[in-house]
């Protein structure tokens, strides 16, 4: 067990060279051939102001242990900062593409702007932090994307 902890701490050290990253979980395993780290049980990932929580998290890396993609499932939720605004959300599955700084919420996807209380619902929501853009997809005509906006009283 001590060997796994050392490997995991070394992995975290490699990840932290560009920004601070903290990962907590009840269980950890690594498959070096498949270049994937598997965390389960009360998973918590903090990267500066961004927070990701789930029951299970897969971290896919390149040959240098640099993270490429995070896939969170089971009670997956997040809080992210985009241009001085905090957003929270949840979905059946959350994917973070580290190289592009893109979040993707799949299945019962929901996101809320905490400053305005505006809400987006859909089958899939894509958030591009670099471009500060959002794309929302409905499931089909029976379950379209839904938007709830709080209008200011100034609009008369």
N, C-alpha and C. Protein backbone atom coordinates (compact mmCIF):
# COMPACT_ATOMS: atom_id res chain seq x y z
N UNK A 1 0.82 -1.20 0.00
CA UNK A 1 0.00 0.00 0.00
C UNK A 1 0.86 1.26 0.00
N UNK A 2 2.00 1.21 0.70
CA UNK A 2 2.88 2.37 0.74
C UNK A 2 3.39 2.69 -0.66
N UNK A 3 3.70 1.66 -1.47
CA UNK A 3 4.16 1.87 -2.84
C UNK A 3 3.15 2.63 -3.67
N UNK A 4 1.88 2.28 -3.53
CA UNK A 4 0.82 2.98 -4.26
C UNK A 4 0.74 4.44 -3.86
N UNK A 5 0.88 4.70 -2.56
CA UNK A 5 0.82 6.09 -2.09
C UNK A 5 1.97 6.90 -2.67
N UNK A 6 3.16 6.30 -2.72
CA UNK A 6 4.32 7.00 -3.28
C UNK A 6 4.10 7.29 -4.75
N UNK A 7 3.61 6.30 -5.50
CA UNK A 7 3.34 6.49 -6.93
C UNK A 7 2.30 7.60 -7.12
N UNK A 8 1.25 7.58 -6.30
CA UNK A 8 0.19 8.57 -6.42
C UNK A 8 0.72 9.96 -6.09
N UNK A 9 1.54 10.09 -5.05
CA UNK A 9 2.11 11.39 -4.71
C UNK A 9 3.04 11.89 -5.81
N UNK A 10 3.81 10.98 -6.40
CA UNK A 10 4.68 11.36 -7.52
C UNK A 10 3.83 11.82 -8.71
N UNK A 11 2.73 11.13 -8.94
CA UNK A 11 1.81 11.50 -10.01
C UNK A 11 1.27 12.91 -9.77
N UNK A 12 0.85 13.20 -8.55
CA UNK A 12 0.33 14.53 -8.23
C UNK A 12 1.40 15.59 -8.40
N UNK A 13 2.64 15.28 -8.03
CA UNK A 13 3.73 16.22 -8.20
C UNK A 13 3.92 16.56 -9.67
N UNK A 14 3.87 15.54 -10.53
CA UNK A 14 4.02 15.77 -11.98
C UNK A 14 2.90 16.65 -12.51
N UNK A 15 1.70 16.49 -11.98
CA UNK A 15 0.55 17.27 -12.46
C UNK A 15 0.59 18.72 -11.99
N UNK A 16 1.27 18.96 -10.90
CA UNK A 16 1.16 20.28 -10.27
C UNK A 16 2.13 21.32 -10.82
N UNK A 17 2.88 21.00 -11.87
CA UNK A 17 3.87 21.97 -12.34
C UNK A 17 3.27 23.23 -12.90
N UNK A 18 2.06 23.21 -13.46
CA UNK A 18 1.50 24.43 -14.04
C UNK A 18 0.48 25.11 -13.13
N UNK A 19 -0.25 24.36 -12.35
CA UNK A 19 -1.16 24.94 -11.37
C UNK A 19 -1.40 23.91 -10.27
N UNK A 20 -1.90 24.36 -9.18
CA UNK A 20 -2.09 23.47 -8.05
C UNK A 20 -3.24 22.52 -8.30
N UNK A 21 -3.01 21.24 -8.04
CA UNK A 21 -4.03 20.22 -8.21
C UNK A 21 -4.04 19.35 -6.97
N UNK A 22 -5.23 19.18 -6.38
CA UNK A 22 -5.38 18.34 -5.20
C UNK A 22 -6.43 17.29 -5.52
N UNK A 23 -6.10 16.02 -5.27
CA UNK A 23 -7.04 14.93 -5.53
C UNK A 23 -7.15 14.09 -4.27
N UNK A 24 -8.40 13.80 -3.87
CA UNK A 24 -8.66 12.93 -2.72
C UNK A 24 -9.64 11.85 -3.16
N UNK A 25 -9.45 10.65 -2.65
CA UNK A 25 -10.37 9.55 -2.94
C UNK A 25 -10.12 8.45 -1.91
N UNK A 26 -11.13 7.60 -1.72
CA UNK A 26 -10.98 6.47 -0.80
C UNK A 26 -10.05 5.41 -1.38
N UNK A 27 -10.09 5.23 -2.70
CA UNK A 27 -9.31 4.18 -3.35
C UNK A 27 -8.61 4.71 -4.59
N UNK A 28 -7.44 4.16 -4.88
CA UNK A 28 -6.67 4.55 -6.05
C UNK A 28 -5.99 3.33 -6.65
N UNK A 29 -6.04 3.24 -7.98
CA UNK A 29 -5.26 2.23 -8.69
C UNK A 29 -4.81 2.82 -10.01
N UNK A 30 -3.73 2.25 -10.55
CA UNK A 30 -3.18 2.76 -11.81
C UNK A 30 -2.92 1.60 -12.75
N UNK A 31 -3.19 1.83 -14.04
CA UNK A 31 -2.85 0.87 -15.08
C UNK A 31 -1.89 1.59 -16.02
N UNK A 32 -0.60 1.32 -15.83
CA UNK A 32 0.42 2.03 -16.60
C UNK A 32 0.39 1.69 -18.08
N UNK A 33 -0.03 0.47 -18.44
CA UNK A 33 -0.12 0.10 -19.85
C UNK A 33 -1.21 0.89 -20.56
N UNK A 34 -2.35 1.03 -19.90
CA UNK A 34 -3.47 1.77 -20.49
C UNK A 34 -3.38 3.26 -20.22
N UNK A 35 -2.41 3.66 -19.41
CA UNK A 35 -2.19 5.06 -19.02
C UNK A 35 -3.45 5.68 -18.43
N UNK A 36 -4.01 4.98 -17.44
CA UNK A 36 -5.21 5.47 -16.77
C UNK A 36 -5.06 5.25 -15.26
N UNK A 37 -5.52 6.24 -14.51
CA UNK A 37 -5.57 6.17 -13.05
C UNK A 37 -7.04 6.10 -12.66
N UNK A 38 -7.37 5.21 -11.74
CA UNK A 38 -8.75 4.99 -11.35
C UNK A 38 -8.90 5.33 -9.89
N UNK A 39 -9.78 6.29 -9.61
CA UNK A 39 -10.05 6.70 -8.24
C UNK A 39 -11.51 6.44 -7.95
N UNK A 40 -11.81 5.99 -6.74
CA UNK A 40 -13.20 5.73 -6.39
C UNK A 40 -13.45 6.03 -4.93
N UNK A 41 -14.71 6.28 -4.63
CA UNK A 41 -15.12 6.58 -3.27
C UNK A 41 -14.84 8.01 -2.86
N UNK A 42 -15.88 8.82 -2.79
CA UNK A 42 -15.76 10.22 -2.35
C UNK A 42 -14.63 10.96 -3.03
N UNK A 43 -14.62 10.92 -4.36
CA UNK A 43 -13.56 11.57 -5.14
C UNK A 43 -13.76 13.08 -5.10
N UNK A 44 -12.67 13.80 -4.85
CA UNK A 44 -12.67 15.25 -4.83
C UNK A 44 -11.42 15.73 -5.55
N UNK A 45 -11.62 16.58 -6.57
CA UNK A 45 -10.50 17.16 -7.31
C UNK A 45 -10.63 18.67 -7.21
N UNK A 46 -9.55 19.33 -6.79
CA UNK A 46 -9.51 20.79 -6.72
C UNK A 46 -8.34 21.27 -7.55
N UNK A 47 -8.63 22.21 -8.44
CA UNK A 47 -7.60 22.84 -9.26
C UNK A 47 -7.87 24.33 -9.23
N UNK A 48 -7.09 25.03 -8.42
CA UNK A 48 -7.34 26.45 -8.16
C UNK A 48 -8.77 26.62 -7.67
N UNK A 49 -9.63 27.34 -8.38
CA UNK A 49 -11.01 27.54 -7.92
C UNK A 49 -11.97 26.45 -8.40
N UNK A 50 -11.56 25.62 -9.34
CA UNK A 50 -12.43 24.58 -9.88
C UNK A 50 -12.48 23.36 -8.96
N UNK A 51 -13.69 22.78 -8.80
CA UNK A 51 -13.88 21.61 -7.95
C UNK A 51 -14.72 20.59 -8.70
N UNK A 52 -14.30 19.33 -8.63
CA UNK A 52 -15.03 18.23 -9.24
C UNK A 52 -15.23 17.16 -8.18
N UNK A 53 -16.47 16.66 -8.06
CA UNK A 53 -16.80 15.60 -7.10
C UNK A 53 -17.49 14.46 -7.84
N UNK A 54 -17.20 13.23 -7.43
CA UNK A 54 -17.87 12.08 -8.03
C UNK A 54 -17.60 10.83 -7.19
N UNK A 55 -18.28 9.75 -7.56
CA UNK A 55 -18.04 8.46 -6.92
C UNK A 55 -16.83 7.77 -7.56
N UNK A 56 -16.63 8.03 -8.86
CA UNK A 56 -15.54 7.39 -9.59
C UNK A 56 -14.92 8.39 -10.56
N UNK A 57 -13.61 8.32 -10.71
CA UNK A 57 -12.91 9.21 -11.62
C UNK A 57 -11.81 8.43 -12.33
N UNK A 58 -11.80 8.55 -13.66
CA UNK A 58 -10.72 8.00 -14.48
C UNK A 58 -9.90 9.17 -14.97
N UNK A 59 -8.58 9.09 -14.81
CA UNK A 59 -7.69 10.13 -15.31
C UNK A 59 -6.80 9.49 -16.36
N UNK A 60 -6.99 9.90 -17.60
CA UNK A 60 -6.20 9.38 -18.71
C UNK A 60 -5.00 10.29 -18.91
N UNK A 61 -3.82 9.71 -19.05
CA UNK A 61 -2.59 10.48 -19.15
C UNK A 61 -1.81 10.12 -20.41
N UNK A 62 -0.84 10.97 -20.75
CA UNK A 62 0.07 10.63 -21.83
C UNK A 62 1.25 9.85 -21.24
N UNK A 63 2.24 9.53 -22.04
CA UNK A 63 3.37 8.72 -21.58
C UNK A 63 4.22 9.43 -20.52
N UNK A 64 4.07 10.75 -20.39
CA UNK A 64 4.80 11.52 -19.38
C UNK A 64 3.96 11.79 -18.13
N UNK A 65 2.86 11.08 -17.99
CA UNK A 65 1.91 11.24 -16.87
C UNK A 65 1.22 12.59 -16.84
N UNK A 66 1.19 13.29 -17.95
CA UNK A 66 0.44 14.54 -18.03
C UNK A 66 -1.03 14.19 -18.30
N UNK A 67 -1.96 14.73 -17.51
CA UNK A 67 -3.37 14.38 -17.70
C UNK A 67 -3.92 14.93 -19.02
N UNK A 68 -4.64 14.08 -19.72
CA UNK A 68 -5.28 14.46 -20.98
C UNK A 68 -6.79 14.63 -20.80
N UNK A 69 -7.37 13.71 -20.02
CA UNK A 69 -8.83 13.71 -19.88
C UNK A 69 -9.21 13.12 -18.52
N UNK A 70 -10.21 13.74 -17.89
CA UNK A 70 -10.79 13.25 -16.65
C UNK A 70 -12.23 12.83 -16.97
N UNK A 71 -12.64 11.65 -16.51
CA UNK A 71 -14.01 11.20 -16.71
C UNK A 71 -14.59 10.85 -15.34
N UNK A 72 -15.57 11.65 -14.90
CA UNK A 72 -16.19 11.46 -13.59
C UNK A 72 -17.59 10.88 -13.78
N UNK A 73 -17.94 9.92 -12.92
CA UNK A 73 -19.28 9.33 -12.98
C UNK A 73 -19.76 9.02 -11.57
N UNK A 74 -21.06 8.85 -11.44
CA UNK A 74 -21.65 8.58 -10.14
C UNK A 74 -21.69 9.84 -9.28
N UNK A 75 -22.86 10.45 -9.18
CA UNK A 75 -23.02 11.69 -8.40
C UNK A 75 -22.02 12.76 -8.82
N UNK A 76 -21.78 12.88 -10.11
CA UNK A 76 -20.79 13.82 -10.64
C UNK A 76 -21.32 15.25 -10.58
N UNK A 77 -20.52 16.13 -9.97
CA UNK A 77 -20.89 17.54 -9.88
C UNK A 77 -19.62 18.38 -9.95
N UNK A 78 -19.80 19.67 -10.26
CA UNK A 78 -18.65 20.55 -10.39
C UNK A 78 -18.99 21.97 -9.99
N UNK A 79 -17.93 22.71 -9.72
CA UNK A 79 -17.99 24.16 -9.52
C UNK A 79 -16.78 24.70 -10.26
N UNK A 80 -17.01 25.60 -11.21
CA UNK A 80 -15.91 26.14 -12.00
C UNK A 80 -15.99 27.66 -12.06
N UNK A 81 -14.84 28.27 -12.27
CA UNK A 81 -14.75 29.72 -12.40
C UNK A 81 -14.44 30.05 -13.85
N UNK A 82 -15.30 30.89 -14.45
CA UNK A 82 -15.08 31.34 -15.82
C UNK A 82 -15.22 32.86 -15.81
N UNK A 83 -14.14 33.54 -16.11
CA UNK A 83 -14.12 35.00 -16.17
C UNK A 83 -14.84 35.64 -14.98
N UNK A 84 -14.34 35.37 -13.79
CA UNK A 84 -14.83 35.96 -12.55
C UNK A 84 -16.27 35.58 -12.19
N UNK A 85 -16.82 34.52 -12.78
CA UNK A 85 -18.16 34.06 -12.44
C UNK A 85 -18.08 32.56 -12.11
N UNK A 86 -18.76 32.19 -11.02
CA UNK A 86 -18.79 30.78 -10.62
C UNK A 86 -20.03 30.10 -11.19
N UNK A 87 -19.82 28.88 -11.63
CA UNK A 87 -20.89 28.03 -12.16
C UNK A 87 -20.85 26.70 -11.42
N UNK A 88 -22.02 26.15 -11.14
CA UNK A 88 -22.11 24.81 -10.59
C UNK A 88 -22.90 23.97 -11.56
N UNK A 89 -22.76 22.67 -11.45
CA UNK A 89 -23.51 21.81 -12.33
C UNK A 89 -23.36 20.35 -11.95
N UNK A 90 -24.10 19.53 -12.67
CA UNK A 90 -24.04 18.09 -12.44
C UNK A 90 -24.49 17.38 -13.71
N UNK A 91 -24.19 16.09 -13.77
CA UNK A 91 -24.59 15.25 -14.90
C UNK A 91 -24.32 13.80 -14.54
N UNK A 92 -24.83 12.90 -15.37
CA UNK A 92 -24.53 11.48 -15.16
C UNK A 92 -23.04 11.23 -15.33
N UNK A 93 -22.43 11.96 -16.26
CA UNK A 93 -21.00 11.83 -16.52
C UNK A 93 -20.43 13.21 -16.84
N UNK A 94 -19.29 13.52 -16.24
CA UNK A 94 -18.60 14.77 -16.52
C UNK A 94 -17.23 14.43 -17.10
N UNK A 95 -16.90 15.09 -18.20
CA UNK A 95 -15.60 14.88 -18.82
C UNK A 95 -14.89 16.23 -18.88
N UNK A 96 -13.62 16.22 -18.48
CA UNK A 96 -12.81 17.43 -18.60
C UNK A 96 -11.64 17.10 -19.51
N UNK A 97 -11.54 17.83 -20.63
CA UNK A 97 -10.44 17.68 -21.57
C UNK A 97 -9.37 18.69 -21.17
N UNK A 98 -8.34 18.21 -20.50
CA UNK A 98 -7.32 19.08 -19.90
C UNK A 98 -6.55 19.89 -20.93
N UNK A 99 -6.25 19.31 -22.08
CA UNK A 99 -5.44 20.02 -23.06
C UNK A 99 -6.19 21.18 -23.70
N UNK A 100 -7.53 21.10 -23.76
CA UNK A 100 -8.34 22.15 -24.39
C UNK A 100 -9.09 23.02 -23.39
N UNK A 101 -9.09 22.63 -22.10
CA UNK A 101 -9.83 23.32 -21.06
C UNK A 101 -11.33 23.36 -21.37
N UNK A 102 -11.85 22.18 -21.74
CA UNK A 102 -13.27 22.03 -22.08
C UNK A 102 -13.92 21.03 -21.12
N UNK A 103 -15.07 21.44 -20.56
CA UNK A 103 -15.89 20.56 -19.74
C UNK A 103 -17.06 20.08 -20.58
N UNK A 104 -17.43 18.82 -20.39
CA UNK A 104 -18.59 18.26 -21.08
C UNK A 104 -19.43 17.51 -20.06
N UNK A 105 -20.69 17.90 -19.94
CA UNK A 105 -21.63 17.26 -19.03
C UNK A 105 -22.59 16.43 -19.88
N UNK A 106 -22.67 15.13 -19.60
CA UNK A 106 -23.49 14.22 -20.41
C UNK A 106 -24.55 13.53 -19.57
N UNK A 107 -25.78 13.53 -20.07
CA UNK A 107 -26.89 12.84 -19.41
C UNK A 107 -27.42 13.63 -18.23
N UNK A 108 -28.66 14.10 -18.32
CA UNK A 108 -29.27 14.91 -17.26
C UNK A 108 -28.35 16.06 -16.85
N UNK A 109 -27.82 16.73 -17.84
CA UNK A 109 -26.85 17.81 -17.60
C UNK A 109 -27.55 19.07 -17.11
N UNK A 110 -26.87 19.74 -16.18
CA UNK A 110 -27.41 20.95 -15.56
C UNK A 110 -26.25 21.87 -15.22
N UNK A 111 -26.42 23.16 -15.47
CA UNK A 111 -25.42 24.15 -15.07
C UNK A 111 -26.15 25.40 -14.60
N UNK A 112 -25.59 26.04 -13.57
CA UNK A 112 -26.20 27.24 -12.99
C UNK A 112 -25.13 28.30 -12.81
N UNK A 113 -25.44 29.51 -13.25
CA UNK A 113 -24.60 30.68 -13.02
C UNK A 113 -24.95 31.19 -11.62
N UNK A 114 -24.01 31.12 -10.69
CA UNK A 114 -24.31 31.49 -9.31
C UNK A 114 -24.56 32.98 -9.12
N UNK A 115 -24.03 33.81 -10.00
CA UNK A 115 -24.22 35.26 -9.84
C UNK A 115 -25.60 35.71 -10.32
N UNK A 116 -26.17 35.05 -11.31
CA UNK A 116 -27.46 35.46 -11.86
C UNK A 116 -28.59 34.46 -11.57
N UNK A 117 -28.22 33.27 -11.13
CA UNK A 117 -29.15 32.16 -10.91
C UNK A 117 -29.75 31.65 -12.23
N UNK A 118 -29.17 32.01 -13.38
CA UNK A 118 -29.60 31.46 -14.66
C UNK A 118 -29.22 29.99 -14.71
N UNK A 119 -30.10 29.16 -15.35
CA UNK A 119 -29.90 27.72 -15.37
C UNK A 119 -30.05 27.17 -16.78
N UNK A 120 -29.23 26.18 -17.09
CA UNK A 120 -29.31 25.47 -18.37
C UNK A 120 -29.50 23.99 -18.09
N UNK A 121 -30.40 23.35 -18.84
CA UNK A 121 -30.65 21.93 -18.71
C UNK A 121 -30.57 21.30 -20.10
N UNK A 122 -30.03 20.11 -20.20
CA UNK A 122 -29.98 19.43 -21.48
C UNK A 122 -29.43 18.03 -21.32
N UNK A 123 -29.39 17.31 -22.42
CA UNK A 123 -28.79 15.99 -22.40
C UNK A 123 -27.27 16.10 -22.40
N UNK A 124 -26.76 17.16 -23.04
CA UNK A 124 -25.32 17.39 -23.10
C UNK A 124 -25.07 18.90 -23.08
N UNK A 125 -24.12 19.31 -22.24
CA UNK A 125 -23.70 20.71 -22.18
C UNK A 125 -22.19 20.73 -22.30
N UNK A 126 -21.70 21.52 -23.24
CA UNK A 126 -20.26 21.66 -23.44
C UNK A 126 -19.86 23.08 -23.04
N UNK A 127 -18.80 23.19 -22.23
CA UNK A 127 -18.32 24.48 -21.75
C UNK A 127 -16.86 24.63 -22.14
N UNK A 128 -16.58 25.59 -22.99
CA UNK A 128 -15.21 25.87 -23.42
C UNK A 128 -14.72 27.07 -22.61
N UNK A 129 -13.86 26.81 -21.63
CA UNK A 129 -13.39 27.88 -20.75
C UNK A 129 -12.54 28.90 -21.49
N UNK A 130 -11.71 28.47 -22.43
CA UNK A 130 -10.85 29.40 -23.16
C UNK A 130 -11.66 30.36 -24.02
N UNK A 131 -12.63 29.83 -24.74
CA UNK A 131 -13.46 30.66 -25.62
C UNK A 131 -14.63 31.29 -24.88
N UNK A 132 -14.86 30.86 -23.64
CA UNK A 132 -15.99 31.31 -22.84
C UNK A 132 -17.30 31.11 -23.60
N UNK A 133 -17.46 29.88 -24.13
CA UNK A 133 -18.67 29.57 -24.89
C UNK A 133 -19.33 28.31 -24.33
N UNK A 134 -20.63 28.20 -24.60
CA UNK A 134 -21.44 27.09 -24.09
C UNK A 134 -22.28 26.55 -25.23
N UNK A 135 -22.46 25.25 -25.25
CA UNK A 135 -23.34 24.61 -26.22
C UNK A 135 -24.22 23.64 -25.45
N UNK A 136 -25.54 23.70 -25.70
CA UNK A 136 -26.49 22.86 -24.99
C UNK A 136 -27.27 22.05 -26.01
N UNK A 137 -27.36 20.73 -25.78
CA UNK A 137 -28.09 19.82 -26.66
C UNK A 137 -29.22 19.18 -25.89
N UNK A 138 -30.41 19.16 -26.48
CA UNK A 138 -31.53 18.43 -25.90
C UNK A 138 -31.44 16.97 -26.30
N UNK A 139 -32.25 16.15 -25.67
CA UNK A 139 -32.26 14.72 -25.98
C UNK A 139 -32.96 14.47 -27.32
N UNK A 140 -34.11 15.06 -27.48
CA UNK A 140 -34.88 14.95 -28.73
C UNK A 140 -36.05 15.94 -28.63
N UNK A 141 -36.99 15.86 -29.54
CA UNK A 141 -38.14 16.78 -29.53
C UNK A 141 -38.98 16.65 -28.27
N UNK A 142 -39.00 15.46 -27.67
CA UNK A 142 -39.79 15.25 -26.47
C UNK A 142 -39.10 15.81 -25.22
N UNK A 143 -37.79 15.94 -25.30
CA UNK A 143 -37.05 16.47 -24.16
C UNK A 143 -35.99 17.44 -24.68
N UNK A 144 -36.41 18.66 -25.06
CA UNK A 144 -35.46 19.64 -25.61
C UNK A 144 -34.60 20.27 -24.51
N UNK A 145 -33.60 21.02 -24.94
CA UNK A 145 -32.80 21.80 -24.00
C UNK A 145 -33.71 22.84 -23.36
N UNK A 146 -33.42 23.21 -22.12
CA UNK A 146 -34.26 24.16 -21.40
C UNK A 146 -33.38 25.22 -20.77
N UNK A 147 -33.83 26.48 -20.83
CA UNK A 147 -33.10 27.60 -20.28
C UNK A 147 -34.01 28.35 -19.33
N UNK A 148 -33.49 28.73 -18.19
CA UNK A 148 -34.24 29.54 -17.23
C UNK A 148 -33.39 30.76 -16.92
N UNK A 149 -33.89 31.93 -17.33
CA UNK A 149 -33.16 33.18 -17.12
C UNK A 149 -33.96 34.08 -16.19
N UNK A 150 -33.29 34.73 -15.28
CA UNK A 150 -33.90 35.72 -14.40
C UNK A 150 -33.66 37.09 -15.02
N UNK A 151 -34.73 37.72 -15.47
CA UNK A 151 -34.63 39.02 -16.10
C UNK A 151 -34.61 40.12 -15.06
N UNK A 152 -33.85 41.14 -15.33
CA UNK A 152 -33.79 42.28 -14.41
C UNK A 152 -35.05 43.10 -14.55
N UNK A 153 -35.43 43.76 -13.51
CA UNK A 153 -36.64 44.59 -13.51
C UNK A 153 -36.52 45.75 -14.47
N UNK A 154 -35.29 46.07 -14.92
CA UNK A 154 -35.09 47.21 -15.83
C UNK A 154 -35.72 46.96 -17.20
N UNK A 155 -35.97 45.67 -17.53
CA UNK A 155 -36.57 45.35 -18.84
C UNK A 155 -38.07 45.55 -18.74
N UNK A 156 -38.58 46.70 -19.16
CA UNK A 156 -40.02 46.97 -19.11
C UNK A 156 -40.51 47.34 -20.48
